[in-house]
Amino acid sequence: MDKDKLWQIVLENLKLSLSSANFATWFPQTFINKIKEVDKNHQIIEVASPSTFIKDTIENRYYGLIKEALDKTTKKKNDLAFVVKQVKKSKRIKEQESKKGPLFEKAKPEKSTAQEAIVRAGLRPDFNFEAFAVNTTNQMAHAAARAVSESPGKAYNPLFLYGGVGVGKTHLMQAIGSTVLERRPRLNIIYCMSEEFTTEIVDAIRKKTTKQFKDKYRSARVLLIDDIQFIAGKTTVQEEFFHTFNAIWRAGGQIVLTSDRRPDEISSLEDRLRSRFEGGLTIDIQDPDFELRTAIVLIKAQQRGIKLPMDIAQLIAGNITSTRRLEGFLIRLVTEADTKKEPLTPELTSALLGTTNAELMPKRLVKPKEVLTAVVNFYNFKNKDLLGPRRPKKLALARQVLMYLLRTELKMPLMEIGQFLGNRDHTTIMYGVEKITKLLPESEELRVDIAGIKQKLYG
């Protein structure tokens, strides 16, 4: 296969795994420089990048993704080498450069500097305010983060964001850092997880480099610490963070912290730190509702250049409540459509949801009888009602909810569900599962019902 064609296939694979912003930043002017065959099943591929900075970033961050795509395409074992080399102005490249859109636009020098600063700080370029969906569950947090990014050290200091998994805490925190660096690329910003902060302290004590550690963190003008709750109970870490916090705060620097709970709920946290955390603005971010999840799916699709119809976005958002899993399902859906060479349709989405929900939500193993009990108790029926032939409207709906949960949560085959529900035909089960799947985006009441049943099942 021609090396240019091979690289285009690799790039198409990377587009499915990366955000459009990341792809546009690192891959437009990359190419395969040469392919050296070791034997019939093994080759070395030399990947060229236009600068050392881009080469190092691609090698450190995307080696595994590139190798996986090459191995899959060539059916060979591939070792990668990375070099700095400018692409020659071939006909293919000229055609690419003539296309409109951000992928092949030449970046302005100041924008490039800002992008490099964002990557050096360990921030994700796609975690920006433009890609953050806003509604009533996170409106206040978004407004506060915007204010902090426009006036770091003056608006709210510290800004303490807390909430459950996948509600957007890290996204907002990184958006603050990226926005500040876009205006002031040379500003000293540090972003890290609290575990990284802890590890660095331990290493500094072991290697007798505590002065360098203190100089690094206390000189930051913006400090972004994710999951700060994990420093609780660690005496030395809390001591150092207290002094770091004070040094940055006194110098007029900005501090942003995230946690899964309020400062007063973090056990084993020193009172003096709790007092510092509560001295600024503390905001709770709620779990996203159906409308917000729909917006998130549409934004993720747009970032990947996917034209996703609204009905499909609503179908996904109605069946998957975890925001972190929305994007994973979207990637799987697009890959499935590409593999089968089919358009994105509600039918394909519904079919994939039926086999994917159980995989996306790993929980404790439950038995079909437990699901039956949870449903009958929730709707105040008896087992014989759902297993019997009667079909009043409310009873029929409860029975279809049971079919849906057995299919999506337990991943039971249609025929097995039919046998469990009084030897019903598998087409009846299929109809019931599809009906609930389609109703979920439209019915808030049904979404609440199913969430309540799952709560009973998984506690």
Protein backbone atom coordinates (compact mmCIF):
# COMPACT_ATOMS: atom_id res chain seq x y z
CA MET A 1 0.00 0.00 0.00
CA ASP A 2 1.20 3.51 -0.84
CA LYS A 3 2.59 5.23 2.30
CA ASP A 4 0.49 8.38 1.75
CA LYS A 5 -2.68 6.31 1.48
CA LEU A 6 -1.67 4.29 4.53
CA TRP A 7 -1.17 7.46 6.57
CA GLN A 8 -4.56 8.83 5.50
CA ILE A 9 -6.19 5.64 6.83
CA VAL A 10 -4.31 6.08 10.10
CA LEU A 11 -5.46 9.72 10.34
CA GLU A 12 -9.07 8.69 9.79
CA ASN A 13 -8.73 6.22 12.68
CA LEU A 14 -7.22 8.91 14.89
CA LYS A 15 -10.14 11.23 14.17
CA LEU A 16 -12.45 8.70 15.85
CA SER A 17 -10.34 8.67 19.02
CA LEU A 18 -9.32 12.33 19.34
CA SER A 19 -11.21 15.57 19.66
CA SER A 20 -11.19 17.78 16.57
CA ALA A 21 -9.12 20.36 18.49
CA ASN A 22 -6.40 17.84 19.39
CA PHE A 23 -6.34 16.39 15.89
CA ALA A 24 -6.11 19.85 14.29
CA THR A 25 -3.31 20.87 16.65
CA TRP A 26 -0.95 17.93 16.10
CA PHE A 27 -1.60 15.99 12.90
CA PRO A 28 -2.25 18.20 9.80
CA GLN A 29 1.37 18.28 8.55
CA THR A 30 2.48 14.84 9.65
CA PHE A 31 3.26 12.07 7.16
CA ILE A 32 5.07 8.76 6.76
CA ASN A 33 8.61 9.54 5.69
CA LYS A 34 9.74 5.98 4.99
CA ILE A 35 8.87 2.35 5.63
CA LYS A 36 11.66 -0.13 6.30
CA GLU A 37 10.77 -3.80 6.04
CA VAL A 38 12.39 -6.06 8.66
CA ASP A 39 10.66 -9.23 7.45
CA LYS A 40 7.32 -10.12 5.89
CA ASN A 41 5.51 -9.65 9.21
CA HIS A 42 7.52 -6.81 10.72
CA GLN A 43 8.38 -3.28 9.58
CA ILE A 44 9.65 0.04 10.92
CA ILE A 45 7.64 3.13 10.01
CA GLU A 46 9.18 6.58 10.24
CA VAL A 47 6.63 9.28 11.09
CA ALA A 48 7.61 12.85 10.26
CA SER A 49 6.42 16.00 12.04
CA PRO A 50 7.10 19.67 11.17
CA SER A 51 8.69 20.59 14.55
CA THR A 52 10.44 19.03 17.53
CA PHE A 53 7.66 20.12 19.85
CA ILE A 54 4.99 18.40 17.75
CA LYS A 55 7.18 15.31 17.27
CA ASP A 56 7.75 14.91 21.02
CA THR A 57 4.08 15.44 21.85
CA ILE A 58 2.87 12.90 19.28
CA GLU A 59 5.47 10.35 20.34
CA ASN A 60 4.69 10.72 24.06
CA ARG A 61 0.90 10.95 23.80
CA TYR A 62 -0.23 9.09 20.71
CA TYR A 63 2.33 6.34 20.06
CA GLY A 64 -0.09 3.60 21.12
CA LEU A 65 -3.01 4.89 19.03
CA ILE A 66 -0.85 5.25 15.91
CA LYS A 67 0.71 1.80 16.31
CA GLU A 68 -2.68 0.20 16.86
CA ALA A 69 -4.07 1.79 13.68
CA LEU A 70 -1.00 0.76 11.65
CA ASP A 71 -1.01 -2.83 12.95
CA LYS A 72 -4.71 -3.15 12.18
CA THR A 73 -4.37 -1.72 8.67
CA THR A 74 -1.16 -3.45 7.56
CA LYS A 75 -1.76 -6.75 9.42
CA LYS A 76 1.89 -6.54 10.47
CA LYS A 77 3.88 -5.69 13.58
CA ASN A 78 4.99 -2.06 13.30
CA ASP A 79 7.70 -0.26 15.24
CA LEU A 80 7.60 3.53 15.06
CA ALA A 81 10.37 6.08 14.72
CA PHE A 82 9.70 9.83 14.86
CA VAL A 83 11.65 12.50 12.96
CA VAL A 84 11.39 16.22 12.29
CA LYS A 85 10.84 16.94 8.61
CA GLN A 86 8.77 19.41 6.62
CA VAL A 87 6.21 17.95 4.25
CA LYS A 88 6.96 18.40 0.57
CA LYS A 89 4.39 20.37 -1.40
CA SER A 90 2.95 17.43 -3.25
CA LYS A 91 -0.31 17.61 -5.12
CA ARG A 92 -2.05 15.91 -2.19
CA ILE A 93 -0.79 18.44 0.33
CA LYS A 94 -1.68 21.38 -1.90
CA GLU A 95 -5.19 20.04 -2.22
CA GLN A 96 -5.41 19.70 1.56
CA GLU A 97 -4.14 23.24 2.14
CA SER A 98 -6.70 24.61 -0.30
CA LYS A 99 -9.56 23.20 1.76
CA LYS A 100 -11.38 25.50 4.10
CA GLY A 101 -11.77 24.78 7.78
CA PRO A 102 -9.65 24.67 10.92
CA LEU A 103 -7.93 21.39 10.12
CA PHE A 104 -5.67 22.85 7.44
CA GLU A 105 -5.57 26.52 8.34
CA LYS A 106 -2.14 27.87 9.11
CA ALA A 107 -2.09 28.81 12.77
CA LYS A 108 -1.13 32.32 13.72
CA PRO A 109 2.12 32.50 15.70
CA GLU A 110 0.44 33.81 18.85
CA LYS A 111 -2.20 31.07 18.67
CA SER A 112 0.53 28.46 18.28
CA THR A 113 2.31 29.87 21.32
CA ALA A 114 -0.89 29.69 23.35
CA GLN A 115 -1.57 26.10 22.20
CA GLU A 116 1.95 25.09 23.18
CA ALA A 117 1.51 26.71 26.59
CA ILE A 118 -1.80 24.90 27.10
CA VAL A 119 -0.23 21.53 26.28
CA ARG A 120 2.84 22.24 28.45
CA ALA A 121 0.52 22.94 31.37
CA GLY A 122 -1.06 19.50 30.88
CA LEU A 123 -4.43 20.92 29.80
CA ARG A 124 -6.71 19.42 27.15
CA PRO A 125 -7.33 21.90 24.31
CA ASP A 126 -10.88 20.59 23.86
CA PHE A 127 -11.74 21.33 27.51
CA ASN A 128 -12.72 24.93 26.80
CA PHE A 129 -15.75 27.09 27.53
CA GLU A 130 -17.05 26.81 23.96
CA ALA A 131 -17.33 23.03 24.32
CA PHE A 132 -19.06 23.19 27.72
CA ALA A 133 -22.84 22.72 27.63
CA VAL A 134 -24.67 24.95 30.11
CA ASN A 135 -28.07 24.64 31.78
CA THR A 136 -29.57 25.14 35.23
CA THR A 137 -27.55 22.29 36.80
CA ASN A 138 -24.19 23.99 36.15
CA GLN A 139 -25.04 27.58 35.20
CA MET A 140 -23.62 29.14 38.36
CA ALA A 141 -20.39 27.12 38.18
CA HIS A 142 -19.93 28.09 34.54
CA ALA A 143 -20.49 31.80 35.28
CA ALA A 144 -18.04 31.70 38.19
CA ALA A 145 -15.40 29.91 36.12
CA ARG A 146 -15.80 32.49 33.36
CA ALA A 147 -15.37 35.31 35.86
CA VAL A 148 -12.23 33.72 37.30
CA SER A 149 -10.73 33.22 33.83
CA GLU A 150 -11.28 36.90 33.02
CA SER A 151 -9.94 38.24 36.33
CA PRO A 152 -7.72 35.57 37.94
CA GLY A 153 -6.93 36.32 41.56
CA LYS A 154 -9.68 38.94 41.83
CA ALA A 155 -13.09 37.39 41.15
CA TYR A 156 -13.45 34.38 43.46
CA ASN A 157 -10.39 33.09 45.25
CA PRO A 158 -10.28 30.22 45.83
CA LEU A 159 -12.94 28.78 43.53
CA PHE A 160 -14.03 25.40 44.92
CA LEU A 161 -16.12 23.21 42.58
CA TYR A 162 -17.61 19.97 43.88
CA GLY A 163 -19.94 17.29 42.54
CA GLY A 164 -20.17 13.70 41.37
CA VAL A 165 -18.27 11.93 38.61
CA GLY A 166 -18.63 13.35 35.10
CA VAL A 167 -20.49 16.57 35.96
CA GLY A 168 -17.85 18.84 34.38
CA LYS A 169 -15.61 19.94 37.26
CA THR A 170 -12.36 19.14 35.48
CA HIS A 171 -13.66 20.59 32.21
CA LEU A 172 -14.42 23.95 33.84
CA MET A 173 -11.14 23.99 35.75
CA GLN A 174 -9.11 23.33 32.60
CA ALA A 175 -11.19 25.86 30.64
CA ILE A 176 -10.10 28.50 33.17
CA GLY A 177 -6.44 27.60 32.63
CA SER A 178 -6.73 27.51 28.84
CA THR A 179 -8.55 30.87 28.67
CA VAL A 180 -5.93 32.55 30.85
CA LEU A 181 -3.09 31.11 28.74
CA GLU A 182 -4.74 32.24 25.50
CA ARG A 183 -4.38 35.81 26.76
CA ARG A 184 -1.09 35.37 28.62
CA PRO A 185 0.83 32.34 27.27
CA ARG A 186 3.86 33.01 29.45
CA LEU A 187 1.95 33.05 32.75
CA ASN A 188 3.03 30.33 35.17
CA ILE A 189 0.05 27.97 35.47
CA ILE A 190 0.19 24.59 37.20
CA TYR A 191 -2.50 21.96 36.77
CA CYS A 192 -2.27 18.59 38.50
CA MET A 193 -4.19 15.94 40.40
CA SER A 194 -3.80 15.92 44.17
CA GLU A 195 -2.11 12.51 43.84
CA GLU A 196 0.58 14.09 41.64
CA PHE A 197 1.11 16.84 44.23
CA THR A 198 1.46 14.15 46.92
CA THR A 199 3.88 12.06 44.85
CA GLU A 200 6.08 15.08 44.12
CA ILE A 201 6.32 15.92 47.83
CA VAL A 202 7.34 12.35 48.69
CA ASP A 203 9.96 12.34 45.89
CA ALA A 204 11.26 15.76 46.96
CA ILE A 205 11.74 14.58 50.55
CA ARG A 206 13.42 11.36 49.41
CA LYS A 207 15.75 13.14 46.97
CA LYS A 208 16.32 16.17 49.23
CA THR A 209 14.90 18.53 46.60
CA THR A 210 12.18 20.19 48.70
CA LYS A 211 13.46 23.68 47.82
CA GLN A 212 12.90 23.05 44.10
CA PHE A 213 9.46 21.65 44.86
CA LYS A 214 8.50 24.73 46.91
CA ASP A 215 9.88 27.11 44.28
CA LYS A 216 7.90 25.37 41.57
CA TYR A 217 4.50 25.44 43.25
CA ARG A 218 4.74 28.67 45.23
CA SER A 219 5.74 30.63 42.12
CA ALA A 220 2.56 29.63 40.27
CA ARG A 221 0.21 32.47 39.40
CA VAL A 222 -2.68 30.08 38.77
CA LEU A 223 -2.86 26.77 40.64
CA LEU A 224 -5.43 24.17 39.52
CA ILE A 225 -5.72 21.09 41.73
CA ASP A 226 -8.11 18.26 40.82
CA ASP A 227 -9.64 15.94 43.45
CA ILE A 228 -8.23 17.86 46.41
CA GLN A 229 -10.10 15.53 48.80
CA PHE A 230 -7.29 12.98 48.46
CA ILE A 231 -4.82 15.06 50.49
CA ALA A 232 -7.02 14.51 53.58
CA GLY A 233 -5.31 12.50 56.30
CA LYS A 234 -1.82 13.12 54.88
CA THR A 235 -0.15 15.37 57.43
CA THR A 236 2.97 16.37 55.48
CA VAL A 237 1.02 16.93 52.27
CA GLN A 238 -1.55 19.13 54.03
CA GLU A 239 1.21 21.11 55.71
CA GLU A 240 2.95 21.85 52.42
CA PHE A 241 -0.29 22.61 50.60
CA PHE A 242 -1.29 25.06 53.34
CA HIS A 243 1.93 27.03 52.84
CA THR A 244 1.67 26.77 49.05
CA PHE A 245 -1.91 28.06 49.18
CA ASN A 246 -0.91 31.00 51.37
CA ALA A 247 2.08 31.94 49.21
CA ILE A 248 0.04 32.02 45.99
CA TRP A 249 -2.94 33.75 47.59
CA ARG A 250 -0.78 36.48 49.18
CA ALA A 251 0.92 37.12 45.82
CA GLY A 252 -2.49 37.69 44.19
CA GLY A 253 -2.50 34.36 42.35
CA GLN A 254 -5.63 32.34 41.60
CA ILE A 255 -6.42 28.96 43.16
CA VAL A 256 -9.07 26.59 41.75
CA LEU A 257 -9.90 23.30 43.44
CA THR A 258 -12.26 20.44 42.63
CA SER A 259 -13.61 17.74 44.91
CA ASP A 260 -16.34 15.14 45.06
CA ARG A 261 -17.74 16.74 48.25
CA ARG A 262 -17.97 20.04 50.13
CA PRO A 263 -14.97 21.13 52.26
CA ASP A 264 -16.91 20.48 55.50
CA GLU A 265 -17.62 16.91 54.33
CA ILE A 266 -13.98 15.98 53.70
CA SER A 267 -13.01 13.90 56.73
CA SER A 268 -9.47 14.17 58.15
CA LEU A 269 -8.98 17.57 56.49
CA GLU A 270 -7.19 20.06 58.74
CA ASP A 271 -9.39 22.88 60.01
CA ARG A 272 -7.03 25.56 58.74
CA LEU A 273 -7.24 24.14 55.20
CA ARG A 274 -11.00 23.76 55.43
CA SER A 275 -11.18 27.40 56.44
CA ARG A 276 -9.05 28.42 53.42
CA PHE A 277 -11.19 26.36 51.04
CA GLU A 278 -14.39 27.93 52.33
CA GLY A 279 -12.92 31.45 52.17
CA GLY A 280 -13.77 31.91 48.50
CA LEU A 281 -16.71 30.62 46.45
CA THR A 282 -17.92 27.02 46.85
CA ILE A 283 -20.29 25.71 44.15
CA ASP A 284 -22.10 22.41 43.78
CA ILE A 285 -22.49 21.03 40.24
CA GLN A 286 -25.51 18.76 39.90
CA ASP A 287 -25.80 15.67 37.70
CA PRO A 288 -26.80 16.65 34.15
CA ASP A 289 -30.45 16.26 33.21
CA PHE A 290 -31.75 14.87 29.93
CA GLU A 291 -31.58 18.20 28.07
CA LEU A 292 -27.99 18.81 29.14
CA ARG A 293 -26.92 15.28 28.20
CA THR A 294 -28.46 15.80 24.77
CA ALA A 295 -26.48 19.02 24.34
CA ILE A 296 -23.29 17.23 25.43
CA VAL A 297 -23.80 14.49 22.83
CA LEU A 298 -24.34 17.10 20.10
CA ILE A 299 -21.21 19.02 21.13
CA LYS A 300 -19.08 15.84 21.19
CA ALA A 301 -20.41 14.92 17.75
CA GLN A 302 -19.65 18.39 16.38
CA GLN A 303 -16.09 18.21 17.74
CA ARG A 304 -15.58 15.01 15.77
CA GLY A 305 -17.12 16.39 12.60
CA ILE A 306 -20.17 14.13 12.89
CA LYS A 307 -23.57 15.36 11.70
CA LEU A 308 -25.76 13.84 14.38
CA PRO A 309 -29.54 14.23 14.04
CA MET A 310 -31.38 15.55 17.10
CA ASP A 311 -33.56 12.43 17.46
CA ILE A 312 -30.47 10.21 17.71
CA ALA A 313 -28.82 12.54 20.26
CA GLN A 314 -31.99 12.41 22.36
CA LEU A 315 -32.13 8.64 22.04
CA ILE A 316 -28.57 8.34 23.38
CA ALA A 317 -29.12 10.88 26.18
CA GLY A 318 -32.35 9.17 27.22
CA ASN A 319 -30.66 5.80 27.66
CA ILE A 320 -27.21 6.72 29.01
CA THR A 321 -27.02 8.90 32.11
CA SER A 322 -23.23 8.97 32.58
CA THR A 323 -21.68 11.90 30.74
CA ARG A 324 -18.32 10.15 30.53
CA ARG A 325 -19.95 7.24 28.72
CA LEU A 326 -21.86 9.36 26.26
CA GLU A 327 -18.77 10.02 24.17
CA GLY A 328 -17.70 6.38 24.35
CA PHE A 329 -21.05 5.28 22.98
CA LEU A 330 -20.94 7.95 20.27
CA ILE A 331 -17.55 6.65 19.07
CA ARG A 332 -18.84 3.09 19.09
CA LEU A 333 -21.96 4.12 17.15
CA VAL A 334 -19.95 5.90 14.44
CA THR A 335 -17.50 2.99 14.20
CA GLU A 336 -20.40 0.53 13.86
CA ALA A 337 -21.99 2.64 11.12
CA ASP A 338 -18.67 2.94 9.26
CA THR A 339 -17.96 -0.77 9.55
CA LYS A 340 -21.40 -1.74 8.27
CA LYS A 341 -21.40 1.14 5.77
CA GLU A 342 -24.77 2.24 7.10
CA PRO A 343 -26.08 5.75 7.84
CA LEU A 344 -26.63 6.87 11.42
CA THR A 345 -30.25 5.96 12.13
CA PRO A 346 -32.45 5.62 15.22
CA GLU A 347 -32.78 1.91 14.41
CA LEU A 348 -29.01 1.33 14.47
CA THR A 349 -28.71 3.43 17.63
CA SER A 350 -31.50 1.51 19.39
CA ALA A 351 -29.98 -1.83 18.44
CA LEU A 352 -26.56 -0.80 19.74
CA LEU A 353 -28.04 0.66 22.94
CA GLY A 354 -29.69 -2.67 23.62
CA THR A 355 -26.35 -4.46 23.60
CA THR A 356 -24.19 -1.68 25.00
CA ASN A 357 -25.89 -0.35 28.12
CA ALA A 358 -24.88 -3.34 30.18
CA GLU A 359 -21.27 -2.98 29.03
CA LEU A 360 -21.25 0.77 29.72
CA MET A 361 -22.53 0.42 33.26
CA PRO A 362 -20.62 -2.31 35.10
CA LYS A 363 -22.48 -3.07 38.33
CA ARG A 364 -22.88 -5.92 40.76
CA LEU A 365 -24.33 -9.04 39.20
CA VAL A 366 -28.09 -9.30 39.63
CA LYS A 367 -30.44 -12.12 38.72
CA PRO A 368 -33.58 -11.85 36.57
CA LYS A 369 -35.78 -12.54 39.63
CA GLU A 370 -34.19 -9.55 41.41
CA VAL A 371 -35.08 -7.30 38.47
CA LEU A 372 -38.62 -8.69 38.46
CA THR A 373 -38.96 -8.02 42.19
CA ALA A 374 -37.62 -4.47 41.82
CA VAL A 375 -40.08 -3.67 39.02
CA VAL A 376 -43.18 -5.17 40.68
CA ASN A 377 -42.37 -3.44 43.98
CA PHE A 378 -41.82 -0.11 42.25
CA TYR A 379 -45.11 -0.25 40.35
CA ASN A 380 -46.98 -1.99 43.18
CA PHE A 381 -47.90 -5.14 41.25
CA LYS A 382 -47.41 -8.83 41.94
CA ASN A 383 -45.07 -11.23 40.12
CA LYS A 384 -48.01 -13.10 38.55
CA ASP A 385 -49.32 -9.80 37.08
CA LEU A 386 -46.19 -9.18 35.00
CA LEU A 387 -45.74 -12.84 34.09
CA GLY A 388 -49.40 -13.34 33.20
CA PRO A 389 -51.47 -12.50 30.09
CA ARG A 390 -53.32 -9.39 31.36
CA ARG A 391 -52.55 -6.21 29.38
CA PRO A 392 -53.98 -3.07 31.07
CA LYS A 393 -52.01 0.01 30.02
CA LYS A 394 -50.06 0.54 33.26
CA LEU A 395 -49.33 -3.17 33.64
CA ALA A 396 -48.19 -3.44 30.00
CA LEU A 397 -45.79 -0.51 30.51
CA ALA A 398 -44.32 -2.07 33.67
CA ARG A 399 -43.85 -5.34 31.80
CA GLN A 400 -42.04 -3.51 28.96
CA VAL A 401 -39.82 -1.75 31.49
CA LEU A 402 -38.92 -5.18 32.85
CA MET A 403 -38.09 -6.38 29.33
CA TYR A 404 -35.92 -3.31 28.76
CA LEU A 405 -33.99 -3.76 32.03
CA LEU A 406 -33.45 -7.49 31.46
CA ARG A 407 -32.10 -6.71 27.99
CA THR A 408 -29.94 -3.67 28.77
CA GLU A 409 -28.81 -4.39 32.33
CA LEU A 410 -28.46 -8.19 32.27
CA LYS A 411 -27.84 -8.48 28.51
CA MET A 412 -30.20 -11.46 28.30
CA PRO A 413 -31.06 -12.84 24.84
CA LEU A 414 -34.56 -12.00 23.59
CA MET A 415 -35.72 -15.61 23.58
CA GLU A 416 -34.47 -16.12 27.14
CA ILE A 417 -36.39 -13.04 28.30
CA GLY A 418 -39.49 -14.39 26.55
CA GLN A 419 -39.21 -17.70 28.38
CA PHE A 420 -38.71 -15.89 31.69
CA LEU A 421 -41.84 -13.80 31.10
CA GLY A 422 -44.26 -16.67 30.65
CA ASN A 423 -43.04 -18.06 27.30
CA ARG A 424 -43.68 -14.90 25.29
CA ASP A 425 -42.48 -14.68 21.69
CA HIS A 426 -39.10 -13.01 21.15
CA THR A 427 -40.69 -10.48 18.76
CA THR A 428 -42.90 -9.30 21.63
CA ILE A 429 -39.78 -8.77 23.74
CA MET A 430 -38.07 -6.92 20.90
CA TYR A 431 -41.08 -4.62 20.50
CA GLY A 432 -41.17 -3.92 24.25
CA VAL A 433 -37.46 -3.07 24.45
CA GLU A 434 -37.65 -0.80 21.40
CA LYS A 435 -40.74 0.97 22.73
CA ILE A 436 -39.07 1.87 26.06
CA THR A 437 -35.86 2.90 24.25
CA LYS A 438 -37.85 5.31 22.08
CA LEU A 439 -39.99 6.61 24.97
CA LEU A 440 -37.05 7.44 27.26
CA PRO A 441 -35.99 10.64 25.41
CA GLU A 442 -39.59 11.90 25.46
CA SER A 443 -40.76 10.97 28.95
CA GLU A 444 -39.17 12.50 32.04
CA GLU A 445 -41.52 10.39 34.19
CA LEU A 446 -40.26 7.17 32.59
CA ARG A 447 -36.63 8.22 33.04
CA VAL A 448 -37.28 8.88 36.74
CA ASP A 449 -39.04 5.49 37.09
CA ILE A 450 -36.14 3.55 35.57
CA ALA A 451 -33.58 5.48 37.60
CA GLY A 452 -35.57 4.63 40.74
CA ILE A 453 -35.69 0.93 39.86
CA LYS A 454 -31.94 0.86 39.19
CA GLN A 455 -31.34 2.55 42.53
CA LYS A 456 -33.28 -0.23 44.22
CA LEU A 457 -31.31 -2.85 42.29
CA TYR A 458 -27.82 -1.48 42.79
CA GLY A 459 -28.24 0.56 45.95
